All heavy atoms as atom14 arrays in JSON, in Angstrom:
{
  "sequence": "AQAKSLGEKAQGAAKAATDKVKGHPYAAAGIAAGVAAAVAGAAFG",
  "atom14_mask": [
    [1, 1, 1, 1, 1, 0, 0, 0, 0, 0, 0, 0, 0, 0],
    [1, 1, 1, 1, 1, 1, 1, 1, 1, 0, 0, 0, 0, 0],
    [1, 1, 1, 1, 1, 0, 0, 0, 0, 0, 0, 0, 0, 0],
    [1, 1, 1, 1, 1, 1, 1, 1, 1, 0, 0, 0, 0, 0],
    [1, 1, 1, 1, 1, 1, 0, 0, 0, 0, 0, 0, 0, 0],
    [1, 1, 1, 1, 1, 1, 1, 1, 0, 0, 0, 0, 0, 0],
    [1, 1, 1, 1, 0, 0, 0, 0, 0, 0, 0, 0, 0, 0],
    [1, 1, 1, 1, 1, 1, 1, 1, 1, 0, 0, 0, 0, 0],
    [1, 1, 1, 1, 1, 1, 1, 1, 1, 0, 0, 0, 0, 0],
    [1, 1, 1, 1, 1, 0, 0, 0, 0, 0, 0, 0, 0, 0],
    [1, 1, 1, 1, 1, 1, 1, 1, 1, 0, 0, 0, 0, 0],
    [1, 1, 1, 1, 0, 0, 0, 0, 0, 0, 0, 0, 0, 0],
    [1, 1, 1, 1, 1, 0, 0, 0, 0, 0, 0, 0, 0, 0],
    [1, 1, 1, 1, 1, 0, 0, 0, 0, 0, 0, 0, 0, 0],
    [1, 1, 1, 1, 1, 1, 1, 1, 1, 0, 0, 0, 0, 0],
    [1, 1, 1, 1, 1, 0, 0, 0, 0, 0, 0, 0, 0, 0],
    [1, 1, 1, 1, 1, 0, 0, 0, 0, 0, 0, 0, 0, 0],
    [1, 1, 1, 1, 1, 1, 1, 0, 0, 0, 0, 0, 0, 0],
    [1, 1, 1, 1, 1, 1, 1, 1, 0, 0, 0, 0, 0, 0],
    [1, 1, 1, 1, 1, 1, 1, 1, 1, 0, 0, 0, 0, 0],
    [1, 1, 1, 1, 1, 1, 1, 0, 0, 0, 0, 0, 0, 0],
    [1, 1, 1, 1, 1, 1, 1, 1, 1, 0, 0, 0, 0, 0],
    [1, 1, 1, 1, 0, 0, 0, 0, 0, 0, 0, 0, 0, 0],
    [1, 1, 1, 1, 1, 1, 1, 1, 1, 1, 0, 0, 0, 0],
    [1, 1, 1, 1, 1, 1, 1, 0, 0, 0, 0, 0, 0, 0],
    [1, 1, 1, 1, 1, 1, 1, 1, 1, 1, 1, 1, 0, 0],
    [1, 1, 1, 1, 1, 0, 0, 0, 0, 0, 0, 0, 0, 0],
    [1, 1, 1, 1, 1, 0, 0, 0, 0, 0, 0, 0, 0, 0],
    [1, 1, 1, 1, 1, 0, 0, 0, 0, 0, 0, 0, 0, 0],
    [1, 1, 1, 1, 0, 0, 0, 0, 0, 0, 0, 0, 0, 0],
    [1, 1, 1, 1, 1, 1, 1, 1, 0, 0, 0, 0, 0, 0],
    [1, 1, 1, 1, 1, 0, 0, 0, 0, 0, 0, 0, 0, 0],
    [1, 1, 1, 1, 1, 0, 0, 0, 0, 0, 0, 0, 0, 0],
    [1, 1, 1, 1, 0, 0, 0, 0, 0, 0, 0, 0, 0, 0],
    [1, 1, 1, 1, 1, 1, 1, 0, 0, 0, 0, 0, 0, 0],
    [1, 1, 1, 1, 1, 0, 0, 0, 0, 0, 0, 0, 0, 0],
    [1, 1, 1, 1, 1, 0, 0, 0, 0, 0, 0, 0, 0, 0],
    [1, 1, 1, 1, 1, 0, 0, 0, 0, 0, 0, 0, 0, 0],
    [1, 1, 1, 1, 1, 1, 1, 0, 0, 0, 0, 0, 0, 0],
    [1, 1, 1, 1, 1, 0, 0, 0, 0, 0, 0, 0, 0, 0],
    [1, 1, 1, 1, 0, 0, 0, 0, 0, 0, 0, 0, 0, 0],
    [1, 1, 1, 1, 1, 0, 0, 0, 0, 0, 0, 0, 0, 0],
    [1, 1, 1, 1, 1, 0, 0, 0, 0, 0, 0, 0, 0, 0],
    [1, 1, 1, 1, 1, 1, 1, 1, 1, 1, 1, 0, 0, 0],
    [1, 1, 1, 1, 0, 0, 0, 0, 0, 0, 0, 0, 0, 0]
  ],
  "atom14_positions": [
    [[100.73, -56.69, -50.62], [99.27, -56.67, -50.74], [98.74, -55.37, -50.13], [99.28, -54.87, -49.16], [98.67, -57.87, -50.03], [0.0, 0.0, 0.0], [0.0, 0.0, 0.0], [0.0, 0.0, 0.0], [0.0, 0.0, 0.0], [0.0, 0.0, 0.0], [0.0, 0.0, 0.0], [0.0, 0.0, 0.0], [0.0, 0.0, 0.0], [0.0, 0.0, 0.0]],
    [[97.7, -54.85, -50.73], [97.1, -53.63, -50.22], [96.43, -53.92, -48.87], [95.85, -54.97, -48.66], [96.06, -53.1, -51.2], [96.65, -52.62, -52.5], [97.54, -51.41, -52.3], [97.27, -50.54, -51.49], [98.63, -51.36, -53.04], [0.0, 0.0, 0.0], [0.0, 0.0, 0.0], [0.0, 0.0, 0.0], [0.0, 0.0, 0.0], [0.0, 0.0, 0.0]],
    [[96.54, -52.97, -47.97], [95.91, -53.11, -46.65], [94.4, -53.12, -46.82], [93.84, -52.33, -47.58], [96.34, -51.98, -45.74], [0.0, 0.0, 0.0], [0.0, 0.0, 0.0], [0.0, 0.0, 0.0], [0.0, 0.0, 0.0], [0.0, 0.0, 0.0], [0.0, 0.0, 0.0], [0.0, 0.0, 0.0], [0.0, 0.0, 0.0], [0.0, 0.0, 0.0]],
    [[93.75, -54.02, -46.1], [92.29, -54.1, -46.18], [91.67, -53.05, -45.27], [92.19, -52.74, -44.2], [91.82, -55.48, -45.74], [92.18, -56.58, -46.69], [91.59, -57.89, -46.23], [91.91, -58.99, -47.21], [91.31, -60.26, -46.79], [0.0, 0.0, 0.0], [0.0, 0.0, 0.0], [0.0, 0.0, 0.0], [0.0, 0.0, 0.0], [0.0, 0.0, 0.0]],
    [[90.55, -52.52, -45.73], [89.83, -51.57, -44.9], [89.11, -52.33, -43.79], [88.98, -53.55, -43.82], [88.81, -50.79, -45.73], [87.74, -51.64, -46.11], [0.0, 0.0, 0.0], [0.0, 0.0, 0.0], [0.0, 0.0, 0.0], [0.0, 0.0, 0.0], [0.0, 0.0, 0.0], [0.0, 0.0, 0.0], [0.0, 0.0, 0.0], [0.0, 0.0, 0.0]],
    [[88.64, -51.61, -42.81], [87.93, -52.22, -41.69], [86.68, -52.94, -42.17], [86.36, -54.03, -41.7], [87.57, -51.15, -40.65], [86.88, -51.65, -39.39], [87.77, -52.64, -38.65], [86.52, -50.5, -38.49], [0.0, 0.0, 0.0], [0.0, 0.0, 0.0], [0.0, 0.0, 0.0], [0.0, 0.0, 0.0], [0.0, 0.0, 0.0], [0.0, 0.0, 0.0]],
    [[85.99, -52.36, -43.13], [84.79, -52.98, -43.69], [85.09, -54.3, -44.37], [84.36, -55.28, -44.23], [0.0, 0.0, 0.0], [0.0, 0.0, 0.0], [0.0, 0.0, 0.0], [0.0, 0.0, 0.0], [0.0, 0.0, 0.0], [0.0, 0.0, 0.0], [0.0, 0.0, 0.0], [0.0, 0.0, 0.0], [0.0, 0.0, 0.0], [0.0, 0.0, 0.0]],
    [[86.19, -54.35, -45.13], [86.58, -55.59, -45.8], [86.96, -56.67, -44.79], [86.64, -57.83, -44.95], [87.74, -55.33, -46.75], [87.35, -54.5, -47.97], [88.56, -54.09, -48.79], [89.68, -54.04, -48.23], [88.39, -53.83, -49.98], [0.0, 0.0, 0.0], [0.0, 0.0, 0.0], [0.0, 0.0, 0.0], [0.0, 0.0, 0.0], [0.0, 0.0, 0.0]],
    [[87.65, -56.26, -43.72], [88.02, -57.21, -42.68], [86.77, -57.76, -41.99], [86.68, -58.95, -41.71], [88.94, -56.56, -41.65], [90.33, -56.28, -42.16], [91.16, -55.62, -41.08], [92.53, -55.25, -41.57], [93.33, -54.6, -40.52], [0.0, 0.0, 0.0], [0.0, 0.0, 0.0], [0.0, 0.0, 0.0], [0.0, 0.0, 0.0], [0.0, 0.0, 0.0]],
    [[85.81, -56.88, -41.71], [84.58, -57.3, -41.05], [83.78, -58.25, -41.94], [83.23, -59.24, -41.46], [83.74, -56.09, -40.69], [0.0, 0.0, 0.0], [0.0, 0.0, 0.0], [0.0, 0.0, 0.0], [0.0, 0.0, 0.0], [0.0, 0.0, 0.0], [0.0, 0.0, 0.0], [0.0, 0.0, 0.0], [0.0, 0.0, 0.0], [0.0, 0.0, 0.0]],
    [[83.73, -57.95, -43.24], [83.02, -58.84, -44.16], [83.68, -60.2, -44.22], [82.99, -61.23, -44.25], [82.98, -58.22, -45.56], [82.0, -57.08, -45.68], [82.01, -56.45, -47.06], [82.94, -56.65, -47.84], [80.99, -55.67, -47.35], [0.0, 0.0, 0.0], [0.0, 0.0, 0.0], [0.0, 0.0, 0.0], [0.0, 0.0, 0.0], [0.0, 0.0, 0.0]],
    [[84.99, -60.23, -44.24], [85.71, -61.51, -44.25], [85.46, -62.31, -42.99], [85.24, -63.53, -43.04], [0.0, 0.0, 0.0], [0.0, 0.0, 0.0], [0.0, 0.0, 0.0], [0.0, 0.0, 0.0], [0.0, 0.0, 0.0], [0.0, 0.0, 0.0], [0.0, 0.0, 0.0], [0.0, 0.0, 0.0], [0.0, 0.0, 0.0], [0.0, 0.0, 0.0]],
    [[85.46, -61.64, -41.85], [85.21, -62.32, -40.58], [83.77, -62.84, -40.5], [83.53, -63.95, -40.03], [85.49, -61.38, -39.41], [0.0, 0.0, 0.0], [0.0, 0.0, 0.0], [0.0, 0.0, 0.0], [0.0, 0.0, 0.0], [0.0, 0.0, 0.0], [0.0, 0.0, 0.0], [0.0, 0.0, 0.0], [0.0, 0.0, 0.0], [0.0, 0.0, 0.0]],
    [[82.83, -62.04, -40.99], [81.43, -62.47, -40.97], [81.22, -63.67, -41.88], [80.49, -64.6, -41.54], [80.53, -61.32, -41.4], [0.0, 0.0, 0.0], [0.0, 0.0, 0.0], [0.0, 0.0, 0.0], [0.0, 0.0, 0.0], [0.0, 0.0, 0.0], [0.0, 0.0, 0.0], [0.0, 0.0, 0.0], [0.0, 0.0, 0.0], [0.0, 0.0, 0.0]],
    [[81.86, -63.67, -43.04], [81.74, -64.8, -43.96], [82.34, -66.06, -43.34], [81.76, -67.14, -43.42], [82.4, -64.5, -45.29], [82.26, -65.63, -46.29], [82.74, -65.25, -47.65], [82.67, -66.34, -48.68], [82.09, -67.59, -48.36], [0.0, 0.0, 0.0], [0.0, 0.0, 0.0], [0.0, 0.0, 0.0], [0.0, 0.0, 0.0], [0.0, 0.0, 0.0]],
    [[83.48, -65.93, -42.71], [84.12, -67.09, -42.08], [83.25, -67.63, -40.95], [83.08, -68.85, -40.81], [85.49, -66.7, -41.55], [0.0, 0.0, 0.0], [0.0, 0.0, 0.0], [0.0, 0.0, 0.0], [0.0, 0.0, 0.0], [0.0, 0.0, 0.0], [0.0, 0.0, 0.0], [0.0, 0.0, 0.0], [0.0, 0.0, 0.0], [0.0, 0.0, 0.0]],
    [[82.66, -66.74, -40.16], [81.79, -67.17, -39.07], [80.54, -67.87, -39.61], [80.11, -68.9, -39.08], [81.4, -65.98, -38.2], [0.0, 0.0, 0.0], [0.0, 0.0, 0.0], [0.0, 0.0, 0.0], [0.0, 0.0, 0.0], [0.0, 0.0, 0.0], [0.0, 0.0, 0.0], [0.0, 0.0, 0.0], [0.0, 0.0, 0.0], [0.0, 0.0, 0.0]],
    [[79.98, -67.32, -40.67], [78.79, -67.93, -41.28], [79.1, -69.32, -41.8], [78.31, -70.25, -41.62], [78.27, -67.04, -42.42], [77.96, -65.75, -41.89], [77.03, -67.62, -43.07], [0.0, 0.0, 0.0], [0.0, 0.0, 0.0], [0.0, 0.0, 0.0], [0.0, 0.0, 0.0], [0.0, 0.0, 0.0], [0.0, 0.0, 0.0], [0.0, 0.0, 0.0]],
    [[80.24, -69.48, -42.43], [80.63, -70.79, -42.94], [80.8, -71.8, -41.81], [80.39, -72.96, -41.93], [81.92, -70.69, -43.76], [81.73, -69.92, -45.06], [80.57, -69.75, -45.49], [82.75, -69.47, -45.63], [0.0, 0.0, 0.0], [0.0, 0.0, 0.0], [0.0, 0.0, 0.0], [0.0, 0.0, 0.0], [0.0, 0.0, 0.0], [0.0, 0.0, 0.0]],
    [[81.38, -71.38, -40.7], [81.55, -72.28, -39.55], [80.21, -72.67, -38.94], [80.0, -73.81, -38.57], [82.43, -71.63, -38.48], [83.87, -71.5, -38.87], [84.53, -72.84, -38.92], [86.01, -72.67, -39.24], [86.69, -73.92, -39.4], [0.0, 0.0, 0.0], [0.0, 0.0, 0.0], [0.0, 0.0, 0.0], [0.0, 0.0, 0.0], [0.0, 0.0, 0.0]],
    [[79.29, -71.7, -38.84], [77.98, -71.99, -38.26], [77.21, -72.96, -39.16], [76.56, -73.88, -38.67], [77.18, -70.68, -38.05], [75.73, -70.96, -37.73], [77.82, -69.87, -36.94], [0.0, 0.0, 0.0], [0.0, 0.0, 0.0], [0.0, 0.0, 0.0], [0.0, 0.0, 0.0], [0.0, 0.0, 0.0], [0.0, 0.0, 0.0], [0.0, 0.0, 0.0]],
    [[77.3, -72.77, -40.47], [76.62, -73.68, -41.39], [77.2, -75.08, -41.3], [76.49, -76.06, -41.46], [76.73, -73.17, -42.82], [75.84, -71.97, -43.09], [75.97, -71.5, -44.52], [75.08, -70.31, -44.79], [75.2, -69.84, -46.17], [0.0, 0.0, 0.0], [0.0, 0.0, 0.0], [0.0, 0.0, 0.0], [0.0, 0.0, 0.0], [0.0, 0.0, 0.0]],
    [[78.48, -75.19, -41.03], [79.13, -76.49, -40.92], [78.87, -77.19, -39.6], [78.86, -78.41, -39.53], [0.0, 0.0, 0.0], [0.0, 0.0, 0.0], [0.0, 0.0, 0.0], [0.0, 0.0, 0.0], [0.0, 0.0, 0.0], [0.0, 0.0, 0.0], [0.0, 0.0, 0.0], [0.0, 0.0, 0.0], [0.0, 0.0, 0.0], [0.0, 0.0, 0.0]],
    [[78.66, -76.43, -38.54], [78.48, -77.0, -37.2], [77.34, -76.28, -36.47], [77.57, -75.55, -35.5], [79.78, -76.86, -36.39], [80.97, -77.45, -37.06], [81.2, -78.79, -37.09], [81.99, -76.87, -37.74], [82.33, -79.02, -37.76], [82.81, -77.87, -38.17], [0.0, 0.0, 0.0], [0.0, 0.0, 0.0], [0.0, 0.0, 0.0], [0.0, 0.0, 0.0]],
    [[76.09, -76.5, -36.9], [74.99, -75.72, -36.32], [74.73, -76.01, -34.84], [74.39, -75.1, -34.09], [73.78, -76.1, -37.17], [74.14, -77.41, -37.78], [75.63, -77.4, -37.94], [0.0, 0.0, 0.0], [0.0, 0.0, 0.0], [0.0, 0.0, 0.0], [0.0, 0.0, 0.0], [0.0, 0.0, 0.0], [0.0, 0.0, 0.0], [0.0, 0.0, 0.0]],
    [[74.88, -77.27, -34.41], [74.6, -77.58, -33.0], [75.67, -76.99, -32.08], [75.36, -76.5, -31.0], [74.49, -79.09, -32.79], [73.27, -79.67, -33.47], [73.39, -80.55, -34.53], [72.0, -79.31, -33.05], [72.27, -81.07, -35.16], [70.87, -79.82, -33.67], [71.01, -80.7, -34.73], [69.9, -81.2, -35.33], [0.0, 0.0, 0.0], [0.0, 0.0, 0.0]],
    [[76.9, -77.03, -32.51], [77.97, -76.42, -31.72], [77.75, -74.91, -31.62], [77.92, -74.32, -30.54], [79.33, -76.72, -32.33], [0.0, 0.0, 0.0], [0.0, 0.0, 0.0], [0.0, 0.0, 0.0], [0.0, 0.0, 0.0], [0.0, 0.0, 0.0], [0.0, 0.0, 0.0], [0.0, 0.0, 0.0], [0.0, 0.0, 0.0], [0.0, 0.0, 0.0]],
    [[77.36, -74.29, -32.72], [77.11, -72.85, -32.71], [75.95, -72.51, -31.78], [76.01, -71.52, -31.04], [76.83, -72.35, -34.13], [0.0, 0.0, 0.0], [0.0, 0.0, 0.0], [0.0, 0.0, 0.0], [0.0, 0.0, 0.0], [0.0, 0.0, 0.0], [0.0, 0.0, 0.0], [0.0, 0.0, 0.0], [0.0, 0.0, 0.0], [0.0, 0.0, 0.0]],
    [[74.9, -73.33, -31.81], [73.76, -73.08, -30.93], [74.16, -73.25, -29.46], [73.73, -72.47, -28.6], [72.61, -74.03, -31.26], [0.0, 0.0, 0.0], [0.0, 0.0, 0.0], [0.0, 0.0, 0.0], [0.0, 0.0, 0.0], [0.0, 0.0, 0.0], [0.0, 0.0, 0.0], [0.0, 0.0, 0.0], [0.0, 0.0, 0.0], [0.0, 0.0, 0.0]],
    [[74.99, -74.22, -29.18], [75.46, -74.42, -27.81], [76.31, -73.26, -27.32], [76.17, -72.81, -26.18], [0.0, 0.0, 0.0], [0.0, 0.0, 0.0], [0.0, 0.0, 0.0], [0.0, 0.0, 0.0], [0.0, 0.0, 0.0], [0.0, 0.0, 0.0], [0.0, 0.0, 0.0], [0.0, 0.0, 0.0], [0.0, 0.0, 0.0], [0.0, 0.0, 0.0]],
    [[77.18, -72.77, -28.18], [78.01, -71.62, -27.82], [77.13, -70.4, -27.58], [77.31, -69.66, -26.6], [79.06, -71.35, -28.9], [80.09, -72.49, -28.92], [79.74, -70.0, -28.69], [81.02, -72.47, -30.11], [0.0, 0.0, 0.0], [0.0, 0.0, 0.0], [0.0, 0.0, 0.0], [0.0, 0.0, 0.0], [0.0, 0.0, 0.0], [0.0, 0.0, 0.0]],
    [[76.15, -70.17, -28.45], [75.26, -69.02, -28.3], [74.47, -69.11, -26.99], [74.3, -68.11, -26.28], [74.31, -68.93, -29.49], [0.0, 0.0, 0.0], [0.0, 0.0, 0.0], [0.0, 0.0, 0.0], [0.0, 0.0, 0.0], [0.0, 0.0, 0.0], [0.0, 0.0, 0.0], [0.0, 0.0, 0.0], [0.0, 0.0, 0.0], [0.0, 0.0, 0.0]],
    [[74.0, -70.32, -26.66], [73.26, -70.49, -25.41], [74.16, -70.23, -24.2], [73.74, -69.62, -23.22], [72.68, -71.9, -25.34], [0.0, 0.0, 0.0], [0.0, 0.0, 0.0], [0.0, 0.0, 0.0], [0.0, 0.0, 0.0], [0.0, 0.0, 0.0], [0.0, 0.0, 0.0], [0.0, 0.0, 0.0], [0.0, 0.0, 0.0], [0.0, 0.0, 0.0]],
    [[75.4, -70.69, -24.27], [76.33, -70.45, -23.17], [76.64, -68.98, -22.99], [76.71, -68.48, -21.87], [0.0, 0.0, 0.0], [0.0, 0.0, 0.0], [0.0, 0.0, 0.0], [0.0, 0.0, 0.0], [0.0, 0.0, 0.0], [0.0, 0.0, 0.0], [0.0, 0.0, 0.0], [0.0, 0.0, 0.0], [0.0, 0.0, 0.0], [0.0, 0.0, 0.0]],
    [[76.83, -68.27, -24.09], [77.1, -66.83, -24.02], [75.89, -66.11, -23.44], [76.03, -65.22, -22.59], [77.47, -66.29, -25.41], [77.48, -64.77, -25.42], [78.83, -66.82, -25.84], [0.0, 0.0, 0.0], [0.0, 0.0, 0.0], [0.0, 0.0, 0.0], [0.0, 0.0, 0.0], [0.0, 0.0, 0.0], [0.0, 0.0, 0.0], [0.0, 0.0, 0.0]],
    [[74.69, -66.5, -23.89], [73.48, -65.86, -23.37], [73.34, -66.1, -21.87], [72.97, -65.18, -21.12], [72.25, -66.38, -24.11], [0.0, 0.0, 0.0], [0.0, 0.0, 0.0], [0.0, 0.0, 0.0], [0.0, 0.0, 0.0], [0.0, 0.0, 0.0], [0.0, 0.0, 0.0], [0.0, 0.0, 0.0], [0.0, 0.0, 0.0], [0.0, 0.0, 0.0]],
    [[73.64, -67.31, -21.42], [73.54, -67.62, -19.99], [74.57, -66.81, -19.19], [74.27, -66.32, -18.1], [73.74, -69.11, -19.76], [0.0, 0.0, 0.0], [0.0, 0.0, 0.0], [0.0, 0.0, 0.0], [0.0, 0.0, 0.0], [0.0, 0.0, 0.0], [0.0, 0.0, 0.0], [0.0, 0.0, 0.0], [0.0, 0.0, 0.0], [0.0, 0.0, 0.0]],
    [[75.76, -66.67, -19.74], [76.8, -65.9, -19.04], [76.41, -64.44, -18.93], [76.58, -63.81, -17.87], [78.13, -66.05, -19.77], [0.0, 0.0, 0.0], [0.0, 0.0, 0.0], [0.0, 0.0, 0.0], [0.0, 0.0, 0.0], [0.0, 0.0, 0.0], [0.0, 0.0, 0.0], [0.0, 0.0, 0.0], [0.0, 0.0, 0.0], [0.0, 0.0, 0.0]],
    [[75.88, -63.88, -20.0], [75.46, -62.47, -19.97], [74.3, -62.28, -19.0], [74.27, -61.32, -18.22], [75.09, -61.99, -21.39], [74.41, -60.63, -21.35], [76.33, -61.95, -22.27], [0.0, 0.0, 0.0], [0.0, 0.0, 0.0], [0.0, 0.0, 0.0], [0.0, 0.0, 0.0], [0.0, 0.0, 0.0], [0.0, 0.0, 0.0], [0.0, 0.0, 0.0]],
    [[73.34, -63.21, -19.02], [72.2, -63.1, -18.11], [72.65, -63.23, -16.66], [72.18, -62.51, -15.78], [71.16, -64.18, -18.44], [0.0, 0.0, 0.0], [0.0, 0.0, 0.0], [0.0, 0.0, 0.0], [0.0, 0.0, 0.0], [0.0, 0.0, 0.0], [0.0, 0.0, 0.0], [0.0, 0.0, 0.0], [0.0, 0.0, 0.0], [0.0, 0.0, 0.0]],
    [[73.58, -64.14, -16.4], [74.1, -64.29, -15.04], [74.83, -63.06, -14.56], [74.69, -62.64, -13.41], [0.0, 0.0, 0.0], [0.0, 0.0, 0.0], [0.0, 0.0, 0.0], [0.0, 0.0, 0.0], [0.0, 0.0, 0.0], [0.0, 0.0, 0.0], [0.0, 0.0, 0.0], [0.0, 0.0, 0.0], [0.0, 0.0, 0.0], [0.0, 0.0, 0.0]],
    [[75.61, -62.46, -15.45], [76.33, -61.24, -15.09], [75.35, -60.1, -14.83], [75.53, -59.32, -13.88], [77.31, -60.86, -16.19], [0.0, 0.0, 0.0], [0.0, 0.0, 0.0], [0.0, 0.0, 0.0], [0.0, 0.0, 0.0], [0.0, 0.0, 0.0], [0.0, 0.0, 0.0], [0.0, 0.0, 0.0], [0.0, 0.0, 0.0], [0.0, 0.0, 0.0]],
    [[74.31, -59.99, -15.65], [73.32, -58.94, -15.45], [72.56, -59.15, -14.14], [72.31, -58.19, -13.39], [72.35, -58.9, -16.63], [0.0, 0.0, 0.0], [0.0, 0.0, 0.0], [0.0, 0.0, 0.0], [0.0, 0.0, 0.0], [0.0, 0.0, 0.0], [0.0, 0.0, 0.0], [0.0, 0.0, 0.0], [0.0, 0.0, 0.0], [0.0, 0.0, 0.0]],
    [[72.23, -60.39, -13.84], [71.53, -60.69, -12.59], [72.41, -60.35, -11.39], [71.97, -59.72, -10.43], [71.12, -62.16, -12.55], [70.45, -62.56, -11.28], [69.13, -62.22, -11.05], [71.12, -63.28, -10.31], [68.49, -62.58, -9.88], [70.5, -63.66, -9.14], [69.18, -63.3, -8.92], [0.0, 0.0, 0.0], [0.0, 0.0, 0.0], [0.0, 0.0, 0.0]],
    [[73.68, -60.74, -11.46], [74.6, -60.44, -10.36], [74.8, -58.95, -10.17], [74.82, -58.46, -9.04], [0.0, 0.0, 0.0], [0.0, 0.0, 0.0], [0.0, 0.0, 0.0], [0.0, 0.0, 0.0], [0.0, 0.0, 0.0], [0.0, 0.0, 0.0], [0.0, 0.0, 0.0], [0.0, 0.0, 0.0], [0.0, 0.0, 0.0], [0.0, 0.0, 0.0]]
  ]
}
């Protein structure tokens, strides 16, 4: 198989992530909130 370019890999990853978020919106929102809290805590520290 031909090697995929970085753009093609990124598009594939974005599509897979979008499909997962559409399938599990509450889990995705919880993960996003946790990441935001972790980043805010690190910035505060």
